[in-house]
Amino acid sequence: MLNGQKSAPEAAEKQLKVLGRHYRGAGSENSLTWSAIKDGTMILPTLFVAPTSNKGRGVFTSANIRKGTIVEISPVIVMSPEDRKLVDLTLLHDYIFEWGTTPQECCMALGYVPLYNHSYSSNCEYEMDFDRQLITVRAIRGIKAGEEVLINYNGDWNDETPLWFDVK
């Protein structure tokens, strides 16, 4: 411990204990190896990317996921308002998240997070941890094997505010 702060290994051990309790109760289809989350990141091993019928690619699960299960913990790359102006001119605009206290800031999430499709009837929600620069995706209801994993791009799983594109 330096200056009252935990070292990276100590912080990782604390997170492993918290996540370990959660996953032991999640069922064998959602088991994780400790090495998958030691760096503060994790993608549930049952997730995979595949084509969708009408949205390009999407994220699916090969096993049932219980309500409350953490599906992914993704680090993000935070960008300044100046960077945001440039990113908005590219295809990456459709894959970034507004970040921080102003809509001019943004981040690019790593992992599968940019590939989750939108639904007003999403089966997951996401939470932004500004201090640790992470996005956590959690199931808000049970998800069946073969089902697409979906988030609401408005931030709240039940927010039906129209988006910047036509929702299919």
N, C-alpha and C. Protein backbone atom coordinates (compact mmCIF):
# COMPACT_ATOMS: atom_id res chain seq x y z
N MET A 1 0.84 -1.17 0.00
CA MET A 1 0.00 0.00 0.00
C MET A 1 0.89 1.23 0.00
N LEU A 2 0.66 2.14 -0.96
CA LEU A 2 1.42 3.38 -1.04
C LEU A 2 0.50 4.56 -0.76
N ASN A 3 0.90 5.43 0.14
CA ASN A 3 0.12 6.62 0.45
C ASN A 3 -1.36 6.31 0.68
N GLY A 4 -1.66 5.19 1.33
CA GLY A 4 -3.04 4.84 1.61
C GLY A 4 -3.79 4.20 0.46
N GLN A 5 -3.16 4.08 -0.73
CA GLN A 5 -3.82 3.46 -1.88
C GLN A 5 -3.32 2.04 -2.05
N LYS A 6 -4.21 1.17 -2.49
CA LYS A 6 -3.84 -0.22 -2.70
C LYS A 6 -3.00 -0.34 -3.96
N SER A 7 -2.06 -1.28 -3.92
CA SER A 7 -1.27 -1.56 -5.12
C SER A 7 -2.16 -2.27 -6.13
N ALA A 8 -1.72 -2.33 -7.37
CA ALA A 8 -2.50 -3.01 -8.41
C ALA A 8 -2.83 -4.44 -8.03
N PRO A 9 -1.88 -5.25 -7.52
CA PRO A 9 -2.23 -6.61 -7.13
C PRO A 9 -3.25 -6.66 -6.00
N GLU A 10 -3.14 -5.75 -5.01
CA GLU A 10 -4.11 -5.73 -3.91
C GLU A 10 -5.50 -5.36 -4.42
N ALA A 11 -5.57 -4.37 -5.29
CA ALA A 11 -6.86 -3.96 -5.86
C ALA A 11 -7.46 -5.08 -6.69
N ALA A 12 -6.63 -5.79 -7.45
CA ALA A 12 -7.12 -6.91 -8.25
C ALA A 12 -7.67 -8.02 -7.36
N GLU A 13 -6.97 -8.31 -6.26
CA GLU A 13 -7.44 -9.35 -5.34
C GLU A 13 -8.79 -8.98 -4.74
N LYS A 14 -8.98 -7.71 -4.38
CA LYS A 14 -10.27 -7.28 -3.84
C LYS A 14 -11.36 -7.46 -4.88
N GLN A 15 -11.09 -7.06 -6.11
CA GLN A 15 -12.09 -7.20 -7.17
C GLN A 15 -12.39 -8.68 -7.43
N LEU A 16 -11.38 -9.52 -7.39
CA LEU A 16 -11.59 -10.95 -7.61
C LEU A 16 -12.51 -11.54 -6.55
N LYS A 17 -12.35 -11.10 -5.31
CA LYS A 17 -13.20 -11.60 -4.23
C LYS A 17 -14.65 -11.21 -4.48
N VAL A 18 -14.88 -9.96 -4.87
CA VAL A 18 -16.24 -9.49 -5.13
C VAL A 18 -16.82 -10.23 -6.33
N LEU A 19 -16.10 -10.29 -7.42
CA LEU A 19 -16.60 -10.96 -8.62
C LEU A 19 -16.72 -12.46 -8.40
N GLY A 20 -15.81 -13.02 -7.64
CA GLY A 20 -15.86 -14.45 -7.38
C GLY A 20 -17.13 -14.85 -6.65
N ARG A 21 -17.53 -14.05 -5.67
CA ARG A 21 -18.79 -14.33 -4.97
C ARG A 21 -19.95 -14.29 -5.95
N HIS A 22 -19.95 -13.30 -6.84
CA HIS A 22 -21.03 -13.16 -7.81
C HIS A 22 -21.08 -14.35 -8.76
N TYR A 23 -19.95 -14.76 -9.27
CA TYR A 23 -19.95 -15.82 -10.27
C TYR A 23 -20.16 -17.21 -9.68
N ARG A 24 -19.77 -17.43 -8.44
CA ARG A 24 -20.06 -18.73 -7.84
C ARG A 24 -21.55 -18.95 -7.76
N GLY A 25 -22.32 -17.85 -7.64
CA GLY A 25 -23.78 -17.98 -7.57
C GLY A 25 -24.44 -17.91 -8.93
N ALA A 26 -23.68 -17.71 -9.98
CA ALA A 26 -24.28 -17.48 -11.29
C ALA A 26 -24.54 -18.76 -12.07
N GLY A 27 -24.02 -19.88 -11.65
CA GLY A 27 -24.24 -21.11 -12.39
C GLY A 27 -23.02 -21.52 -13.17
N SER A 28 -22.87 -22.80 -13.41
CA SER A 28 -21.66 -23.30 -14.05
C SER A 28 -21.48 -22.78 -15.47
N GLU A 29 -22.58 -22.46 -16.15
CA GLU A 29 -22.43 -21.97 -17.52
C GLU A 29 -21.79 -20.59 -17.56
N ASN A 30 -21.69 -19.92 -16.43
CA ASN A 30 -21.10 -18.59 -16.38
C ASN A 30 -19.81 -18.56 -15.58
N SER A 31 -19.15 -19.70 -15.41
CA SER A 31 -17.94 -19.72 -14.61
C SER A 31 -16.80 -18.99 -15.31
N LEU A 32 -15.93 -18.41 -14.53
CA LEU A 32 -14.79 -17.67 -15.06
C LEU A 32 -13.52 -18.21 -14.48
N THR A 33 -12.44 -17.97 -15.16
CA THR A 33 -11.13 -18.22 -14.57
C THR A 33 -10.66 -16.91 -13.97
N TRP A 34 -9.92 -17.00 -12.87
CA TRP A 34 -9.45 -15.78 -12.24
C TRP A 34 -8.57 -14.98 -13.19
N SER A 35 -7.79 -15.61 -14.02
CA SER A 35 -6.90 -14.87 -14.91
C SER A 35 -7.68 -13.99 -15.88
N ALA A 36 -8.93 -14.33 -16.16
CA ALA A 36 -9.71 -13.54 -17.10
C ALA A 36 -10.08 -12.18 -16.55
N ILE A 37 -10.07 -12.00 -15.22
CA ILE A 37 -10.50 -10.72 -14.66
C ILE A 37 -9.46 -10.06 -13.77
N LYS A 38 -8.24 -10.58 -13.71
CA LYS A 38 -7.24 -10.00 -12.82
C LYS A 38 -6.86 -8.57 -13.18
N ASP A 39 -6.97 -8.21 -14.46
CA ASP A 39 -6.59 -6.85 -14.84
C ASP A 39 -7.77 -5.89 -14.78
N GLY A 40 -8.89 -6.33 -14.19
CA GLY A 40 -10.06 -5.46 -14.09
C GLY A 40 -10.95 -5.53 -15.31
N THR A 41 -10.65 -6.41 -16.24
CA THR A 41 -11.47 -6.55 -17.44
C THR A 41 -11.94 -7.99 -17.55
N MET A 42 -13.05 -8.19 -18.27
CA MET A 42 -13.58 -9.53 -18.40
C MET A 42 -14.64 -9.54 -19.48
N ILE A 43 -14.68 -10.61 -20.25
CA ILE A 43 -15.77 -10.89 -21.16
C ILE A 43 -16.26 -12.29 -20.81
N LEU A 44 -17.55 -12.42 -20.53
CA LEU A 44 -18.11 -13.72 -20.19
C LEU A 44 -17.74 -14.71 -21.29
N PRO A 45 -17.16 -15.85 -20.95
CA PRO A 45 -16.65 -16.79 -21.95
C PRO A 45 -17.71 -17.34 -22.92
N THR A 46 -18.98 -17.21 -22.58
CA THR A 46 -20.04 -17.73 -23.45
C THR A 46 -20.43 -16.76 -24.56
N LEU A 47 -19.87 -15.55 -24.56
CA LEU A 47 -20.23 -14.55 -25.57
C LEU A 47 -19.46 -14.77 -26.86
N PHE A 48 -20.14 -14.45 -27.96
CA PHE A 48 -19.48 -14.50 -29.27
C PHE A 48 -20.13 -13.48 -30.20
N VAL A 49 -19.40 -13.06 -31.22
CA VAL A 49 -19.88 -12.10 -32.21
C VAL A 49 -20.32 -12.88 -33.44
N ALA A 50 -21.50 -12.51 -33.98
CA ALA A 50 -22.04 -13.19 -35.16
C ALA A 50 -22.92 -12.22 -35.93
N PRO A 51 -23.20 -12.54 -37.20
CA PRO A 51 -24.11 -11.68 -37.98
C PRO A 51 -25.53 -11.73 -37.40
N THR A 52 -26.24 -10.60 -37.53
CA THR A 52 -27.65 -10.54 -37.15
C THR A 52 -28.50 -10.53 -38.42
N SER A 53 -29.78 -10.66 -38.26
CA SER A 53 -30.65 -10.67 -39.44
C SER A 53 -30.80 -9.29 -40.06
N ASN A 54 -30.67 -8.21 -39.26
CA ASN A 54 -30.91 -6.87 -39.81
C ASN A 54 -30.05 -5.75 -39.22
N LYS A 55 -29.03 -6.08 -38.42
CA LYS A 55 -28.22 -5.04 -37.78
C LYS A 55 -26.72 -5.21 -38.00
N GLY A 56 -26.32 -5.97 -38.99
CA GLY A 56 -24.88 -6.21 -39.17
C GLY A 56 -24.41 -7.30 -38.22
N ARG A 57 -23.48 -6.94 -37.35
CA ARG A 57 -22.99 -7.90 -36.35
C ARG A 57 -23.61 -7.61 -35.00
N GLY A 58 -23.59 -8.62 -34.14
CA GLY A 58 -24.08 -8.46 -32.78
C GLY A 58 -23.37 -9.42 -31.86
N VAL A 59 -23.63 -9.29 -30.57
CA VAL A 59 -23.05 -10.16 -29.55
C VAL A 59 -24.14 -11.12 -29.08
N PHE A 60 -23.81 -12.40 -29.04
CA PHE A 60 -24.74 -13.45 -28.64
C PHE A 60 -24.11 -14.28 -27.53
N THR A 61 -24.94 -15.12 -26.88
CA THR A 61 -24.44 -16.02 -25.85
C THR A 61 -24.70 -17.47 -26.25
N SER A 62 -23.75 -18.32 -25.97
CA SER A 62 -23.89 -19.75 -26.28
C SER A 62 -24.46 -20.53 -25.09
N ALA A 63 -24.70 -19.86 -23.96
CA ALA A 63 -25.27 -20.50 -22.78
C ALA A 63 -26.22 -19.53 -22.10
N ASN A 64 -27.13 -20.05 -21.32
CA ASN A 64 -28.05 -19.20 -20.56
C ASN A 64 -27.27 -18.30 -19.62
N ILE A 65 -27.76 -17.07 -19.47
CA ILE A 65 -27.18 -16.10 -18.54
C ILE A 65 -28.27 -15.70 -17.56
N ARG A 66 -27.97 -15.78 -16.29
CA ARG A 66 -28.95 -15.42 -15.27
C ARG A 66 -29.04 -13.91 -15.08
N LYS A 67 -30.22 -13.46 -14.69
CA LYS A 67 -30.43 -12.06 -14.33
C LYS A 67 -29.40 -11.65 -13.28
N GLY A 68 -28.82 -10.46 -13.46
CA GLY A 68 -27.85 -9.94 -12.51
C GLY A 68 -26.41 -10.30 -12.82
N THR A 69 -26.19 -11.21 -13.76
CA THR A 69 -24.83 -11.63 -14.10
C THR A 69 -24.07 -10.51 -14.80
N ILE A 70 -22.83 -10.28 -14.39
CA ILE A 70 -21.97 -9.35 -15.11
C ILE A 70 -21.53 -10.05 -16.39
N VAL A 71 -21.85 -9.43 -17.51
CA VAL A 71 -21.57 -9.99 -18.82
C VAL A 71 -20.20 -9.57 -19.32
N GLU A 72 -19.85 -8.32 -19.03
CA GLU A 72 -18.55 -7.81 -19.49
C GLU A 72 -18.12 -6.64 -18.61
N ILE A 73 -16.82 -6.55 -18.39
CA ILE A 73 -16.20 -5.37 -17.79
C ILE A 73 -15.15 -4.93 -18.80
N SER A 74 -15.34 -3.74 -19.34
CA SER A 74 -14.49 -3.27 -20.43
C SER A 74 -13.76 -1.99 -20.07
N PRO A 75 -12.45 -1.95 -20.30
CA PRO A 75 -11.75 -0.68 -20.15
C PRO A 75 -12.15 0.24 -21.31
N VAL A 76 -11.98 1.53 -21.10
CA VAL A 76 -12.30 2.50 -22.15
C VAL A 76 -11.10 3.39 -22.40
N ILE A 77 -11.07 3.95 -23.58
CA ILE A 77 -10.09 4.98 -23.93
C ILE A 77 -10.86 6.29 -23.96
N VAL A 78 -10.54 7.18 -23.03
CA VAL A 78 -11.24 8.46 -22.91
C VAL A 78 -10.62 9.45 -23.88
N MET A 79 -11.50 10.18 -24.59
CA MET A 79 -11.04 11.16 -25.57
C MET A 79 -11.51 12.56 -25.19
N SER A 80 -10.71 13.52 -25.54
CA SER A 80 -11.00 14.92 -25.23
C SER A 80 -12.06 15.46 -26.19
N PRO A 81 -12.61 16.64 -25.88
CA PRO A 81 -13.56 17.26 -26.83
C PRO A 81 -12.95 17.48 -28.21
N GLU A 82 -11.65 17.76 -28.26
CA GLU A 82 -10.98 17.95 -29.56
C GLU A 82 -10.95 16.63 -30.33
N ASP A 83 -10.64 15.55 -29.63
CA ASP A 83 -10.64 14.23 -30.27
C ASP A 83 -12.05 13.86 -30.73
N ARG A 84 -13.05 14.21 -29.92
CA ARG A 84 -14.44 13.88 -30.25
C ARG A 84 -14.84 14.50 -31.58
N LYS A 85 -14.42 15.73 -31.82
CA LYS A 85 -14.75 16.39 -33.09
C LYS A 85 -14.22 15.60 -34.27
N LEU A 86 -13.03 15.04 -34.14
CA LEU A 86 -12.44 14.25 -35.23
C LEU A 86 -13.13 12.89 -35.37
N VAL A 87 -13.38 12.24 -34.25
CA VAL A 87 -14.04 10.92 -34.27
C VAL A 87 -15.43 11.03 -34.88
N ASP A 88 -16.14 12.13 -34.60
CA ASP A 88 -17.49 12.32 -35.13
C ASP A 88 -17.52 12.39 -36.65
N LEU A 89 -16.37 12.60 -37.28
CA LEU A 89 -16.29 12.65 -38.74
C LEU A 89 -16.03 11.29 -39.36
N THR A 90 -15.94 10.26 -38.52
CA THR A 90 -15.59 8.92 -39.00
C THR A 90 -16.68 7.91 -38.66
N LEU A 91 -16.54 6.71 -39.18
CA LEU A 91 -17.45 5.61 -38.87
C LEU A 91 -17.43 5.28 -37.38
N LEU A 92 -16.33 5.55 -36.70
CA LEU A 92 -16.24 5.26 -35.27
C LEU A 92 -17.25 6.04 -34.45
N HIS A 93 -17.82 7.11 -35.02
CA HIS A 93 -18.85 7.88 -34.31
C HIS A 93 -19.98 6.97 -33.82
N ASP A 94 -20.33 5.96 -34.58
CA ASP A 94 -21.43 5.06 -34.22
C ASP A 94 -21.05 4.07 -33.13
N TYR A 95 -19.81 4.06 -32.68
CA TYR A 95 -19.36 3.08 -31.70
C TYR A 95 -18.83 3.69 -30.41
N ILE A 96 -18.85 5.01 -30.30
CA ILE A 96 -18.34 5.66 -29.09
C ILE A 96 -19.48 5.90 -28.10
N PHE A 97 -19.11 6.18 -26.86
CA PHE A 97 -20.06 6.52 -25.80
C PHE A 97 -19.73 7.91 -25.31
N GLU A 98 -20.77 8.71 -25.03
CA GLU A 98 -20.52 9.97 -24.35
C GLU A 98 -19.96 9.63 -22.98
N TRP A 99 -19.02 10.43 -22.51
CA TRP A 99 -18.30 10.09 -21.28
C TRP A 99 -18.08 11.35 -20.46
N GLY A 100 -18.13 11.22 -19.17
CA GLY A 100 -17.82 12.35 -18.30
C GLY A 100 -19.00 13.26 -18.07
N THR A 101 -18.70 14.49 -17.74
CA THR A 101 -19.73 15.44 -17.33
C THR A 101 -20.31 16.25 -18.47
N THR A 102 -19.69 16.23 -19.63
CA THR A 102 -20.22 16.99 -20.77
C THR A 102 -20.35 16.07 -21.99
N PRO A 103 -21.33 16.35 -22.86
CA PRO A 103 -21.49 15.51 -24.06
C PRO A 103 -20.36 15.68 -25.08
N GLN A 104 -19.48 16.63 -24.85
CA GLN A 104 -18.36 16.81 -25.77
C GLN A 104 -17.27 15.78 -25.54
N GLU A 105 -17.24 15.17 -24.36
CA GLU A 105 -16.25 14.14 -24.08
C GLU A 105 -16.81 12.79 -24.53
N CYS A 106 -15.94 11.88 -24.86
CA CYS A 106 -16.39 10.55 -25.28
C CYS A 106 -15.34 9.52 -24.93
N CYS A 107 -15.72 8.27 -25.12
CA CYS A 107 -14.76 7.18 -24.93
C CYS A 107 -15.02 6.10 -25.97
N MET A 108 -13.99 5.33 -26.23
CA MET A 108 -14.11 4.13 -27.04
C MET A 108 -13.93 2.96 -26.08
N ALA A 109 -14.97 2.17 -25.94
CA ALA A 109 -14.89 0.98 -25.10
C ALA A 109 -14.16 -0.11 -25.87
N LEU A 110 -13.41 -0.91 -25.16
CA LEU A 110 -12.71 -2.02 -25.78
C LEU A 110 -13.55 -3.29 -25.57
N GLY A 111 -13.08 -4.43 -25.99
CA GLY A 111 -13.87 -5.64 -25.85
C GLY A 111 -15.04 -5.65 -26.81
N TYR A 112 -16.15 -6.28 -26.40
CA TYR A 112 -17.33 -6.39 -27.25
C TYR A 112 -18.29 -5.22 -27.10
N VAL A 113 -18.10 -4.35 -26.12
CA VAL A 113 -19.06 -3.29 -25.83
C VAL A 113 -19.48 -2.50 -27.07
N PRO A 114 -18.59 -2.09 -27.96
CA PRO A 114 -19.04 -1.33 -29.12
C PRO A 114 -19.93 -2.14 -30.08
N LEU A 115 -19.95 -3.45 -29.93
CA LEU A 115 -20.72 -4.30 -30.85
C LEU A 115 -22.10 -4.69 -30.34
N TYR A 116 -22.42 -4.34 -29.08
CA TYR A 116 -23.77 -4.63 -28.59
C TYR A 116 -24.76 -3.76 -29.36
N ASN A 117 -25.80 -4.36 -29.89
CA ASN A 117 -26.82 -3.61 -30.60
C ASN A 117 -27.82 -3.02 -29.62
N HIS A 118 -28.56 -2.03 -30.12
CA HIS A 118 -29.56 -1.32 -29.32
C HIS A 118 -30.91 -2.02 -29.36
N SER A 119 -31.62 -1.93 -28.24
CA SER A 119 -33.02 -2.32 -28.19
C SER A 119 -33.69 -1.52 -27.09
N TYR A 120 -34.94 -1.07 -27.36
CA TYR A 120 -35.72 -0.45 -26.30
C TYR A 120 -36.20 -1.51 -25.32
N SER A 121 -36.08 -2.78 -25.70
CA SER A 121 -36.39 -3.92 -24.82
C SER A 121 -35.11 -4.69 -24.53
N SER A 122 -34.09 -3.98 -24.09
CA SER A 122 -32.78 -4.59 -23.89
C SER A 122 -32.82 -5.64 -22.79
N ASN A 123 -31.85 -6.55 -22.84
CA ASN A 123 -31.73 -7.57 -21.80
C ASN A 123 -30.54 -7.29 -20.88
N CYS A 124 -29.81 -6.21 -21.17
CA CYS A 124 -28.68 -5.80 -20.35
C CYS A 124 -28.70 -4.29 -20.15
N GLU A 125 -27.99 -3.86 -19.13
CA GLU A 125 -27.77 -2.44 -18.91
C GLU A 125 -26.27 -2.24 -18.75
N TYR A 126 -25.82 -1.01 -18.95
CA TYR A 126 -24.40 -0.74 -18.74
C TYR A 126 -24.23 0.38 -17.73
N GLU A 127 -23.11 0.30 -17.02
CA GLU A 127 -22.77 1.29 -16.01
C GLU A 127 -21.38 1.81 -16.31
N MET A 128 -21.23 3.12 -16.24
CA MET A 128 -19.94 3.75 -16.49
C MET A 128 -19.25 4.08 -15.18
N ASP A 129 -18.02 3.67 -15.05
CA ASP A 129 -17.21 3.99 -13.88
C ASP A 129 -16.15 4.98 -14.35
N PHE A 130 -16.44 6.27 -14.16
CA PHE A 130 -15.56 7.33 -14.66
C PHE A 130 -14.19 7.29 -13.99
N ASP A 131 -14.15 6.99 -12.69
CA ASP A 131 -12.88 6.99 -11.98
C ASP A 131 -11.95 5.88 -12.47
N ARG A 132 -12.50 4.68 -12.67
CA ARG A 132 -11.67 3.54 -13.09
C ARG A 132 -11.63 3.37 -14.60
N GLN A 133 -12.37 4.20 -15.33
CA GLN A 133 -12.44 4.16 -16.79
C GLN A 133 -12.84 2.76 -17.28
N LEU A 134 -14.02 2.32 -16.78
CA LEU A 134 -14.57 1.02 -17.14
C LEU A 134 -16.05 1.15 -17.46
N ILE A 135 -16.53 0.28 -18.35
CA ILE A 135 -17.96 0.10 -18.57
C ILE A 135 -18.27 -1.34 -18.18
N THR A 136 -19.28 -1.52 -17.31
CA THR A 136 -19.72 -2.84 -16.89
C THR A 136 -21.09 -3.10 -17.48
N VAL A 137 -21.25 -4.26 -18.11
CA VAL A 137 -22.53 -4.66 -18.70
C VAL A 137 -23.09 -5.79 -17.84
N ARG A 138 -24.37 -5.65 -17.44
CA ARG A 138 -25.01 -6.62 -16.54
C ARG A 138 -26.37 -7.02 -17.12
N ALA A 139 -26.71 -8.30 -17.01
CA ALA A 139 -28.01 -8.80 -17.46
C ALA A 139 -29.10 -8.29 -16.54
N ILE A 140 -30.16 -7.70 -17.11
CA ILE A 140 -31.29 -7.22 -16.30
C ILE A 140 -32.43 -8.23 -16.30
N ARG A 141 -32.28 -9.27 -17.10
CA ARG A 141 -33.22 -10.39 -17.09
C ARG A 141 -32.45 -11.61 -17.57
N GLY A 142 -33.03 -12.79 -17.43
CA GLY A 142 -32.38 -13.98 -17.95
C GLY A 142 -32.25 -13.91 -19.47
N ILE A 143 -31.14 -14.41 -19.99
CA ILE A 143 -30.89 -14.42 -21.43
C ILE A 143 -30.67 -15.86 -21.83
N LYS A 144 -31.38 -16.33 -22.84
CA LYS A 144 -31.30 -17.73 -23.27
C LYS A 144 -30.13 -17.95 -24.24
N ALA A 145 -29.60 -19.15 -24.22
CA ALA A 145 -28.53 -19.52 -25.17
C ALA A 145 -29.01 -19.23 -26.58
N GLY A 146 -28.14 -18.60 -27.38
CA GLY A 146 -28.47 -18.25 -28.75
C GLY A 146 -29.09 -16.88 -28.91
N GLU A 147 -29.48 -16.26 -27.81
CA GLU A 147 -30.12 -14.94 -27.85
C GLU A 147 -29.06 -13.85 -27.99
N GLU A 148 -29.44 -12.77 -28.68
CA GLU A 148 -28.54 -11.63 -28.81
C GLU A 148 -28.54 -10.83 -27.50
N VAL A 149 -27.36 -10.38 -27.11
CA VAL A 149 -27.18 -9.54 -25.92
C VAL A 149 -27.35 -8.09 -26.38
N LEU A 150 -28.31 -7.37 -25.77
CA LEU A 150 -28.69 -6.04 -26.23
C LEU A 150 -28.65 -5.03 -25.10
N ILE A 151 -28.27 -3.79 -25.44
CA ILE A 151 -28.29 -2.68 -24.49
C ILE A 151 -29.16 -1.57 -25.06
N ASN A 152 -29.58 -0.65 -24.20
CA ASN A 152 -30.30 0.54 -24.65
C ASN A 152 -29.28 1.65 -24.77
N TYR A 153 -29.10 2.18 -25.97
CA TYR A 153 -28.08 3.20 -26.19
C TYR A 153 -28.35 4.50 -25.42
N ASN A 154 -29.55 4.68 -24.91
CA ASN A 154 -29.86 5.89 -24.13
C ASN A 154 -29.25 5.86 -22.74
N GLY A 155 -28.72 4.72 -22.33
CA GLY A 155 -28.10 4.61 -21.01
C GLY A 155 -28.95 3.86 -20.02
N ASP A 156 -30.20 4.24 -19.87
CA ASP A 156 -31.11 3.51 -18.99
C ASP A 156 -31.83 2.46 -19.80
N TRP A 157 -31.94 1.25 -19.27
CA TRP A 157 -32.48 0.12 -20.03
C TRP A 157 -33.91 0.36 -20.51
N ASN A 158 -34.67 1.24 -19.84
CA ASN A 158 -36.07 1.44 -20.21
C ASN A 158 -36.34 2.82 -20.81
N ASP A 159 -35.31 3.52 -21.23
CA ASP A 159 -35.45 4.86 -21.81
C ASP A 159 -35.80 4.72 -23.29
N GLU A 160 -36.97 5.22 -23.68
CA GLU A 160 -37.44 5.10 -25.07
C GLU A 160 -37.26 6.38 -25.87
N THR A 161 -36.36 7.25 -25.44
CA THR A 161 -36.06 8.47 -26.18
C THR A 161 -35.54 8.08 -27.57
N PRO A 162 -36.05 8.74 -28.64
CA PRO A 162 -35.56 8.42 -29.98
C PRO A 162 -34.05 8.63 -30.09
N LEU A 163 -33.42 7.78 -30.91
CA LEU A 163 -31.97 7.83 -31.12
C LEU A 163 -31.65 8.62 -32.39
N TRP A 164 -30.38 8.73 -32.72
CA TRP A 164 -29.91 9.45 -33.89
C TRP A 164 -30.07 8.65 -35.18
N PHE A 165 -30.61 7.43 -35.09
CA PHE A 165 -30.83 6.61 -36.27
C PHE A 165 -32.18 5.91 -36.11
N ASP A 166 -32.72 5.40 -37.24
CA ASP A 166 -33.98 4.66 -37.17
C ASP A 166 -33.74 3.29 -36.57
N VAL A 167 -34.46 2.98 -35.52
CA VAL A 167 -34.31 1.70 -34.82
C VAL A 167 -35.07 0.64 -35.59
N LYS A 168 -34.36 -0.48 -35.84
CA LYS A 168 -34.99 -1.60 -36.57
C LYS A 168 -35.64 -2.56 -35.61
